[in-house]
Amino acid sequence: MAIHLYLSMIPEALIASMLTPEEFGVYYAVGATKKVRGQAVFFEIAPDFRSDFFRIEEGMRRCVPHEDGTPKRSIYISVYRALEHVSLDAIQRLYLVTQDGRTLGLETSAEFPENTVGLHLYQEIAPVHPLVVSTLGPCEFYDLIVKNPTSLLSLPAVCFVELRLGELAVDPERGAIRDLPYSNIGHLRQCLVDLRTKIVHTKMVNRVQLASFPYRTIKSGIFVGNREKLLYFPLPSPGELRTKHYRWWRSANI
């Protein structure tokens, strides 16, 4: 059986598995009794990737079938500082898994989303996961917190998603909430207003935010970057999701 390498973002970990990405998605989101059901976000890594930081060869040697022939579902190689030590060149695909195990695979795109008018909302997924509002577009936000930080706080690598703000992006005080599911909307509005009245580019909305997020709130896609480069995994349009990935889309909108 082939051995796969997966870089999980919720929680951050490097894992060897004999399961295919779709099988691993079901196992990781629904799993066994020792894991609470929940969404999963992970990258498939090239199986020949190696790094002195990880004991990958040992992990693969331990990834053998069970006595009854069933595949080994997971061998944890690292649960600490995994993202920053994985080469982005080794990342093959991103998988978004709903809480009932529906898996959507995403490819990278060389074309990044165009900057839109208004403010932005970012959920950092790993290695830390605060909820942040910003005046900066995704590429500029990555540059600020990884490549060219202007404060004492910086990250060696980051995975984040831009979330929809709807009318709040241009009118945080009076914009309609509509279908936005965020808690404490009053606080979110005030943070957005503060960005317009203070000379700052970012403001923390919640420093202890859960890393998970409703997939239906994704504005453009998922970003992952380190000090060398930034990768972008765009989410298909709602129309394409409904026609080509209906079961995932329906599960993501529950």
C-alpha atoms as a PDB file:
ATOM      1  CA  MET A   1       0.000   0.000   0.000  1.00  0.00           C
ATOM      2  CA  ALA A   2       1.221   3.496  -0.829  1.00  0.00           C
ATOM      3  CA  ILE A   3       2.178   5.759   2.059  1.00  0.00           C
ATOM      4  CA  HIS A   4       0.980   9.362   1.925  1.00  0.00           C
ATOM      5  CA  LEU A   5       2.272  12.405   3.787  1.00  0.00           C
ATOM      6  CA  TYR A   6      -0.331  14.884   5.040  1.00  0.00           C
ATOM      7  CA  LEU A   7       0.270  18.283   6.618  1.00  0.00           C
ATOM      8  CA  SER A   8      -2.738  18.985   8.815  1.00  0.00           C
ATOM      9  CA  MET A   9      -3.647  22.548   9.744  1.00  0.00           C
ATOM     10  CA  ILE A  10      -6.397  21.754  12.305  1.00  0.00           C
ATOM     11  CA  PRO A  11      -4.442  20.872  14.393  1.00  0.00           C
ATOM     12  CA  GLU A  12      -1.001  21.496  12.932  1.00  0.00           C
ATOM     13  CA  ALA A  13       0.756  18.160  12.378  1.00  0.00           C
ATOM     14  CA  LEU A  14       2.728  16.120   9.848  1.00  0.00           C
ATOM     15  CA  ILE A  15       1.179  12.670   9.436  1.00  0.00           C
ATOM     16  CA  ALA A  16       1.997   9.507   7.478  1.00  0.00           C
ATOM     17  CA  SER A  17      -0.986   7.437   6.375  1.00  0.00           C
ATOM     18  CA  MET A  18      -1.900   4.530   4.107  1.00  0.00           C
ATOM     19  CA  LEU A  19      -5.274   6.144   3.391  1.00  0.00           C
ATOM     20  CA  THR A  20      -6.031   8.070   0.206  1.00  0.00           C
ATOM     21  CA  PRO A  21      -6.831  11.796   0.697  1.00  0.00           C
ATOM     22  CA  GLU A  22     -10.583  11.096   0.542  1.00  0.00           C
ATOM     23  CA  GLU A  23     -10.299   8.208   3.021  1.00  0.00           C
ATOM     24  CA  PHE A  24      -8.033  10.236   5.278  1.00  0.00           C
ATOM     25  CA  GLY A  25     -10.517  13.119   5.166  1.00  0.00           C
ATOM     26  CA  VAL A  26     -13.308  10.876   6.432  1.00  0.00           C
ATOM     27  CA  TYR A  27     -11.077   9.385   9.133  1.00  0.00           C
ATOM     28  CA  TYR A  28      -9.678  12.737  10.248  1.00  0.00           C
ATOM     29  CA  ALA A  29     -13.000  14.587  10.353  1.00  0.00           C
ATOM     30  CA  VAL A  30     -15.226  11.808  11.705  1.00  0.00           C
ATOM     31  CA  GLY A  31     -12.488   9.522  13.013  1.00  0.00           C
ATOM     32  CA  ALA A  32     -12.500   7.140  15.908  1.00  0.00           C
ATOM     33  CA  THR A  33     -13.920   7.611  19.394  1.00  0.00           C
ATOM     34  CA  LYS A  34     -10.768   9.397  20.569  1.00  0.00           C
ATOM     35  CA  LYS A  35     -11.335  12.363  18.222  1.00  0.00           C
ATOM     36  CA  VAL A  36     -14.236  14.775  18.384  1.00  0.00           C
ATOM     37  CA  ARG A  37     -16.019  15.217  15.055  1.00  0.00           C
ATOM     38  CA  GLY A  38     -15.071  18.406  13.243  1.00  0.00           C
ATOM     39  CA  GLN A  39     -13.862  19.865   9.966  1.00  0.00           C
ATOM     40  CA  ALA A  40     -10.350  19.154   8.734  1.00  0.00           C
ATOM     41  CA  VAL A  41      -7.953  21.158   6.578  1.00  0.00           C
ATOM     42  CA  PHE A  42      -4.837  19.418   5.289  1.00  0.00           C
ATOM     43  CA  PHE A  43      -2.287  19.437   2.471  1.00  0.00           C
ATOM     44  CA  GLU A  44      -1.012  16.392   0.635  1.00  0.00           C
ATOM     45  CA  ILE A  45       2.781  16.497   0.620  1.00  0.00           C
ATOM     46  CA  ALA A  46       5.058  14.898  -1.978  1.00  0.00           C
ATOM     47  CA  PRO A  47       5.960  11.435  -0.599  1.00  0.00           C
ATOM     48  CA  ASP A  48       9.640  11.985  -1.325  1.00  0.00           C
ATOM     49  CA  PHE A  49       9.805  15.165   0.798  1.00  0.00           C
ATOM     50  CA  ARG A  50      12.467  14.988   3.481  1.00  0.00           C
ATOM     51  CA  SER A  51      13.739  17.433   6.111  1.00  0.00           C
ATOM     52  CA  ASP A  52      16.280  17.139   8.914  1.00  0.00           C
ATOM     53  CA  PHE A  53      13.615  18.572  11.243  1.00  0.00           C
ATOM     54  CA  PHE A  54      11.339  15.529  10.814  1.00  0.00           C
ATOM     55  CA  ARG A  55      11.917  11.807  11.384  1.00  0.00           C
ATOM     56  CA  ILE A  56      10.029  10.976   8.194  1.00  0.00           C
ATOM     57  CA  GLU A  57      11.844   7.746   7.344  1.00  0.00           C
ATOM     58  CA  GLU A  58      11.113   6.340  10.799  1.00  0.00           C
ATOM     59  CA  GLY A  59       7.489   7.384  10.523  1.00  0.00           C
ATOM     60  CA  MET A  60       7.137   5.643   7.171  1.00  0.00           C
ATOM     61  CA  ARG A  61       8.744   2.465   8.525  1.00  0.00           C
ATOM     62  CA  ARG A  62       6.110   2.412  11.259  1.00  0.00           C
ATOM     63  CA  CYS A  63       3.299   2.990   8.770  1.00  0.00           C
ATOM     64  CA  VAL A  64       2.499  -0.676   8.069  1.00  0.00           C
ATOM     65  CA  PRO A  65      -0.820  -2.510   7.711  1.00  0.00           C
ATOM     66  CA  HIS A  66      -2.523  -3.969  10.767  1.00  0.00           C
ATOM     67  CA  GLU A  67      -2.429  -7.728  11.362  1.00  0.00           C
ATOM     68  CA  ASP A  68      -5.806  -8.116   9.642  1.00  0.00           C
ATOM     69  CA  GLY A  69      -4.495  -6.336   6.538  1.00  0.00           C
ATOM     70  CA  THR A  70      -6.331  -3.045   7.035  1.00  0.00           C
ATOM     71  CA  PRO A  71      -4.272   0.051   6.236  1.00  0.00           C
ATOM     72  CA  LYS A  72      -2.571   2.093   8.929  1.00  0.00           C
ATOM     73  CA  ARG A  73      -4.607   5.253   9.225  1.00  0.00           C
ATOM     74  CA  SER A  74      -2.094   7.601  10.851  1.00  0.00           C
ATOM     75  CA  ILE A  75       1.416   7.846  12.211  1.00  0.00           C
ATOM     76  CA  TYR A  76       2.118  11.270  13.691  1.00  0.00           C
ATOM     77  CA  ILE A  77       5.589  12.409  12.673  1.00  0.00           C
ATOM     78  CA  SER A  78       5.382  15.894  14.197  1.00  0.00           C
ATOM     79  CA  VAL A  79       2.868  18.008  16.099  1.00  0.00           C
ATOM     80  CA  TYR A  80       5.150  20.996  16.623  1.00  0.00           C
ATOM     81  CA  ARG A  81       6.253  23.706  14.173  1.00  0.00           C
ATOM     82  CA  ALA A  82       5.361  21.483  11.239  1.00  0.00           C
ATOM     83  CA  LEU A  83       4.213  24.158   8.782  1.00  0.00           C
ATOM     84  CA  GLU A  84       7.359  26.269   8.923  1.00  0.00           C
ATOM     85  CA  HIS A  85       9.585  23.239   8.193  1.00  0.00           C
ATOM     86  CA  VAL A  86       7.704  21.897   5.170  1.00  0.00           C
ATOM     87  CA  SER A  87       8.897  23.226   1.813  1.00  0.00           C
ATOM     88  CA  LEU A  88       6.021  24.823  -0.075  1.00  0.00           C
ATOM     89  CA  ASP A  89       7.418  23.173  -3.213  1.00  0.00           C
ATOM     90  CA  ALA A  90       6.424  19.815  -1.678  1.00  0.00           C
ATOM     91  CA  ILE A  91       2.756  20.797  -1.293  1.00  0.00           C
ATOM     92  CA  GLN A  92       0.590  19.092  -3.910  1.00  0.00           C
ATOM     93  CA  ARG A  93      -3.080  19.746  -3.069  1.00  0.00           C
ATOM     94  CA  LEU A  94      -5.205  21.238  -0.324  1.00  0.00           C
ATOM     95  CA  TYR A  95      -8.220  19.377   1.064  1.00  0.00           C
ATOM     96  CA  LEU A  96     -11.163  20.951   2.874  1.00  0.00           C
ATOM     97  CA  VAL A  97     -13.207  18.374   4.776  1.00  0.00           C
ATOM     98  CA  THR A  98     -16.632  18.977   6.281  1.00  0.00           C
ATOM     99  CA  GLN A  99     -17.525  17.673   9.727  1.00  0.00           C
ATOM    100  CA  ASP A 100     -19.258  14.647   8.195  1.00  0.00           C
ATOM    101  CA  GLY A 101     -16.250  13.739   6.036  1.00  0.00           C
ATOM    102  CA  ARG A 102     -17.047  15.278   2.631  1.00  0.00           C
ATOM    103  CA  THR A 103     -13.715  16.138   0.981  1.00  0.00           C
ATOM    104  CA  LEU A 104     -12.978  18.873  -1.566  1.00  0.00           C
ATOM    105  CA  GLY A 105      -9.542  18.975  -3.201  1.00  0.00           C
ATOM    106  CA  LEU A 106      -8.134  22.337  -4.343  1.00  0.00           C
ATOM    107  CA  GLU A 107      -5.255  23.132  -6.702  1.00  0.00           C
ATOM    108  CA  THR A 108      -2.908  26.101  -6.493  1.00  0.00           C
ATOM    109  CA  SER A 109      -3.377  29.069  -8.801  1.00  0.00           C
ATOM    110  CA  ALA A 110      -0.728  31.401 -10.187  1.00  0.00           C
ATOM    111  CA  GLU A 111      -3.319  34.181 -10.276  1.00  0.00           C
ATOM    112  CA  PHE A 112      -4.012  35.798  -6.920  1.00  0.00           C
ATOM    113  CA  PRO A 113      -7.328  37.528  -6.210  1.00  0.00           C
ATOM    114  CA  GLU A 114      -7.516  41.179  -7.125  1.00  0.00           C
ATOM    115  CA  ASN A 115      -7.674  43.683  -4.297  1.00  0.00           C
ATOM    116  CA  THR A 116     -11.246  44.754  -3.679  1.00  0.00           C
ATOM    117  CA  VAL A 117     -12.541  48.021  -2.276  1.00  0.00           C
ATOM    118  CA  GLY A 118     -13.050  48.009   1.463  1.00  0.00           C
ATOM    119  CA  LEU A 119     -11.824  46.220   4.548  1.00  0.00           C
ATOM    120  CA  HIS A 120     -10.824  42.576   5.006  1.00  0.00           C
ATOM    121  CA  LEU A 121     -11.396  39.807   7.548  1.00  0.00           C
ATOM    122  CA  TYR A 122      -8.783  37.063   7.991  1.00  0.00           C
ATOM    123  CA  GLN A 123      -8.861  33.841   9.984  1.00  0.00           C
ATOM    124  CA  GLU A 124      -5.331  32.620  10.630  1.00  0.00           C
ATOM    125  CA  ILE A 125      -5.461  28.819  10.710  1.00  0.00           C
ATOM    126  CA  ALA A 126      -1.883  27.833  11.666  1.00  0.00           C
ATOM    127  CA  PRO A 127       0.446  28.069  13.493  1.00  0.00           C
ATOM    128  CA  VAL A 128      -1.673  30.551  15.483  1.00  0.00           C
ATOM    129  CA  HIS A 129      -5.323  31.271  14.802  1.00  0.00           C
ATOM    130  CA  PRO A 130      -6.540  34.757  15.751  1.00  0.00           C
ATOM    131  CA  LEU A 131      -9.342  36.496  13.873  1.00  0.00           C
ATOM    132  CA  VAL A 132      -8.033  39.739  12.352  1.00  0.00           C
ATOM    133  CA  VAL A 133      -9.449  42.666  10.374  1.00  0.00           C
ATOM    134  CA  SER A 134      -7.196  44.602   8.020  1.00  0.00           C
ATOM    135  CA  THR A 135      -7.008  47.343   5.434  1.00  0.00           C
ATOM    136  CA  LEU A 136      -4.625  45.112   3.450  1.00  0.00           C
ATOM    137  CA  GLY A 137      -5.397  42.627   0.691  1.00  0.00           C
ATOM    138  CA  PRO A 138      -4.296  38.987   1.159  1.00  0.00           C
ATOM    139  CA  CYS A 139      -0.841  39.326  -0.426  1.00  0.00           C
ATOM    140  CA  GLU A 140      -0.068  42.501   1.520  1.00  0.00           C
ATOM    141  CA  PHE A 141      -1.365  40.903   4.735  1.00  0.00           C
ATOM    142  CA  TYR A 142       0.984  37.932   4.243  1.00  0.00           C
ATOM    143  CA  ASP A 143       3.854  40.312   3.537  1.00  0.00           C
ATOM    144  CA  LEU A 144       3.167  42.225   6.755  1.00  0.00           C
ATOM    145  CA  ILE A 145       3.128  39.213   9.092  1.00  0.00           C
ATOM    146  CA  VAL A 146       5.753  36.998   7.432  1.00  0.00           C
ATOM    147  CA  LYS A 147       8.107  38.680   4.948  1.00  0.00           C
ATOM    148  CA  ASN A 148       8.378  42.306   6.056  1.00  0.00           C
ATOM    149  CA  PRO A 149       6.882  42.726   9.536  1.00  0.00           C
ATOM    150  CA  THR A 150       6.716  46.245  10.917  1.00  0.00           C
ATOM    151  CA  SER A 151       6.117  45.130  14.502  1.00  0.00           C
ATOM    152  CA  LEU A 152       7.872  42.785  16.916  1.00  0.00           C
ATOM    153  CA  LEU A 153       5.323  40.083  16.059  1.00  0.00           C
ATOM    154  CA  SER A 154       6.018  37.935  13.010  1.00  0.00           C
ATOM    155  CA  LEU A 155       5.592  34.343  11.860  1.00  0.00           C
ATOM    156  CA  PRO A 156       8.019  32.096   9.938  1.00  0.00           C
ATOM    157  CA  ALA A 157       5.052  30.685   7.996  1.00  0.00           C
ATOM    158  CA  VAL A 158       1.285  31.073   8.005  1.00  0.00           C
ATOM    159  CA  CYS A 159      -1.878  29.492   6.644  1.00  0.00           C
ATOM    160  CA  PHE A 160      -4.906  31.780   6.532  1.00  0.00           C
ATOM    161  CA  VAL A 161      -8.235  32.331   4.835  1.00  0.00           C
ATOM    162  CA  GLU A 162     -10.029  35.539   3.873  1.00  0.00           C
ATOM    163  CA  LEU A 163     -13.638  35.522   5.049  1.00  0.00           C
ATOM    164  CA  ARG A 164     -16.601  37.432   3.641  1.00  0.00           C
ATOM    165  CA  LEU A 165     -17.604  40.743   5.206  1.00  0.00           C
ATOM    166  CA  GLY A 166     -20.374  41.630   2.779  1.00  0.00           C
ATOM    167  CA  GLU A 167     -21.617  45.189   3.270  1.00  0.00           C
ATOM    168  CA  LEU A 168     -19.469  45.589   6.386  1.00  0.00           C
ATOM    169  CA  ALA A 169     -16.385  45.820   4.160  1.00  0.00           C
ATOM    170  CA  VAL A 170     -17.435  49.264   2.928  1.00  0.00           C
ATOM    171  CA  ASP A 171     -19.928  50.356   5.596  1.00  0.00           C
ATOM    172  CA  PRO A 172     -19.002  48.756   8.943  1.00  0.00           C
ATOM    173  CA  GLU A 173     -21.334  50.993  10.937  1.00  0.00           C
ATOM    174  CA  ARG A 174     -24.564  50.562   8.964  1.00  0.00           C
ATOM    175  CA  GLY A 175     -23.949  47.657   6.574  1.00  0.00           C
ATOM    176  CA  ALA A 176     -26.505  44.836   6.716  1.00  0.00           C
ATOM    177  CA  ILE A 177     -25.430  41.567   8.364  1.00  0.00           C
ATOM    178  CA  ARG A 178     -27.542  39.366   6.066  1.00  0.00           C
ATOM    179  CA  ASP A 179     -26.211  35.779   6.200  1.00  0.00           C
ATOM    180  CA  LEU A 180     -22.910  36.480   7.992  1.00  0.00           C
ATOM    181  CA  PRO A 181     -22.670  33.931  10.844  1.00  0.00           C
ATOM    182  CA  TYR A 182     -20.055  35.663  12.991  1.00  0.00           C
ATOM    183  CA  SER A 183     -20.605  35.992  16.722  1.00  0.00           C
ATOM    184  CA  ASN A 184     -20.367  39.343  18.511  1.00  0.00           C
ATOM    185  CA  ILE A 185     -21.130  41.393  15.400  1.00  0.00           C
ATOM    186  CA  GLY A 186     -21.085  44.608  17.455  1.00  0.00           C
ATOM    187  CA  HIS A 187     -17.445  44.047  18.378  1.00  0.00           C
ATOM    188  CA  LEU A 188     -16.565  43.170  14.774  1.00  0.00           C
ATOM    189  CA  ARG A 189     -18.192  46.388  13.556  1.00  0.00           C
ATOM    190  CA  GLN A 190     -16.229  48.436  16.090  1.00  0.00           C
ATOM    191  CA  CYS A 191     -12.927  46.829  15.072  1.00  0.00           C
ATOM    192  CA  LEU A 192     -13.650  47.667  11.436  1.00  0.00           C
ATOM    193  CA  VAL A 193     -14.551  51.259  12.356  1.00  0.00           C
ATOM    194  CA  ASP A 194     -11.313  51.560  14.343  1.00  0.00           C
ATOM    195  CA  LEU A 195      -9.306  50.672  11.234  1.00  0.00           C
ATOM    196  CA  ARG A 196     -10.752  53.743   9.531  1.00  0.00           C
ATOM    197  CA  THR A 197      -9.955  56.098  12.386  1.00  0.00           C
ATOM    198  CA  LYS A 198      -6.522  54.876  13.487  1.00  0.00           C
ATOM    199  CA  ILE A 199      -3.197  54.669  11.646  1.00  0.00           C
ATOM    200  CA  VAL A 200      -2.954  50.870  11.723  1.00  0.00           C
ATOM    201  CA  HIS A 201      -3.261  48.200   9.029  1.00  0.00           C
ATOM    202  CA  THR A 202      -4.568  45.363  11.211  1.00  0.00           C
ATOM    203  CA  LYS A 203      -6.612  44.925  14.364  1.00  0.00           C
ATOM    204  CA  MET A 204      -7.237  41.801  16.419  1.00  0.00           C
ATOM    205  CA  VAL A 205     -10.899  40.812  16.660  1.00  0.00           C
ATOM    206  CA  ASN A 206     -10.369  37.646  18.715  1.00  0.00           C
ATOM    207  CA  ARG A 207      -6.953  36.348  19.772  1.00  0.00           C
ATOM    208  CA  VAL A 208      -8.379  32.997  20.974  1.00  0.00           C
ATOM    209  CA  GLN A 209     -10.557  32.252  17.943  1.00  0.00           C
ATOM    210  CA  LEU A 210     -11.063  28.589  17.021  1.00  0.00           C
ATOM    211  CA  ALA A 211      -9.027  27.586  13.960  1.00  0.00           C
ATOM    212  CA  SER A 212     -12.121  26.144  12.250  1.00  0.00           C
ATOM    213  CA  PHE A 213     -14.440  28.387  10.227  1.00  0.00           C
ATOM    214  CA  PRO A 214     -17.634  28.001   8.154  1.00  0.00           C
ATOM    215  CA  TYR A 215     -16.595  27.123   4.607  1.00  0.00           C
ATOM    216  CA  ARG A 216     -19.502  29.121   3.224  1.00  0.00           C
ATOM    217  CA  THR A 217     -17.857  32.303   4.521  1.00  0.00           C
ATOM    218  CA  ILE A 218     -14.707  31.892   2.384  1.00  0.00           C
ATOM    219  CA  LYS A 219     -14.332  34.956   0.188  1.00  0.00           C
ATOM    220  CA  SER A 220     -11.695  33.723  -2.269  1.00  0.00           C
ATOM    221  CA  GLY A 221      -9.616  30.795  -1.006  1.00  0.00           C
ATOM    222  CA  ILE A 222      -6.858  29.571   1.291  1.00  0.00           C
ATOM    223  CA  PHE A 223      -3.355  31.055   1.458  1.00  0.00           C
ATOM    224  CA  VAL A 224      -0.183  29.444   2.785  1.00  0.00           C
ATOM    225  CA  GLY A 225       3.186  31.152   2.796  1.00  0.00           C
ATOM    226  CA  ASN A 226       6.644  31.262   4.335  1.00  0.00           C
ATOM    227  CA  ARG A 227       9.550  33.656   3.891  1.00  0.00           C
ATOM    228  CA  GLU A 228      10.248  32.280   0.412  1.00  0.00           C
ATOM    229  CA  LYS A 229       6.845  32.276  -1.292  1.00  0.00           C
ATOM    230  CA  LEU A 230       3.063  32.398  -1.024  1.00  0.00           C
ATOM    231  CA  LEU A 231       0.639  29.806  -2.438  1.00  0.00           C
ATOM    232  CA  TYR A 232      -3.022  30.443  -3.182  1.00  0.00           C
ATOM    233  CA  PHE A 233      -5.733  27.774  -3.382  1.00  0.00           C
ATOM    234  CA  PRO A 234      -8.888  29.380  -4.804  1.00  0.00           C
ATOM    235  CA  LEU A 235     -12.301  28.040  -3.853  1.00  0.00           C
ATOM    236  CA  PRO A 236     -14.535  27.350  -6.882  1.00  0.00           C
ATOM    237  CA  SER A 237     -17.516  29.622  -7.423  1.00  0.00           C
ATOM    238  CA  PRO A 238     -20.801  28.769  -5.663  1.00  0.00           C
ATOM    239  CA  GLY A 239     -22.256  27.746  -9.028  1.00  0.00           C
ATOM    240  CA  GLU A 240     -19.402  25.323  -9.742  1.00  0.00           C
ATOM    241  CA  LEU A 241     -19.588  23.908  -6.224  1.00  0.00           C
ATOM    242  CA  ARG A 242     -23.317  23.277  -6.574  1.00  0.00           C
ATOM    243  CA  THR A 243     -22.995  21.574  -9.959  1.00  0.00           C
ATOM    244  CA  LYS A 244     -19.706  19.661  -9.577  1.00  0.00           C
ATOM    245  CA  HIS A 245     -19.336  19.178  -5.819  1.00  0.00           C
ATOM    246  CA  TYR A 246     -22.928  19.217  -4.617  1.00  0.00           C
ATOM    247  CA  ARG A 247     -22.563  16.848  -1.653  1.00  0.00           C
ATOM    248  CA  TRP A 248     -19.605  18.798  -0.277  1.00  0.00           C
ATOM    249  CA  TRP A 249     -21.383  22.122  -0.865  1.00  0.00           C
ATOM    250  CA  ARG A 250     -24.557  20.922   0.838  1.00  0.00           C
ATOM    251  CA  SER A 251     -22.596  19.617   3.818  1.00  0.00           C
ATOM    252  CA  ALA A 252     -20.565  22.854   4.037  1.00  0.00           C
ATOM    253  CA  ASN A 253     -23.774  24.909   4.209  1.00  0.00           C
ATOM    254  CA  ILE A 254     -25.486  22.980   6.995  1.00  0.00           C
END
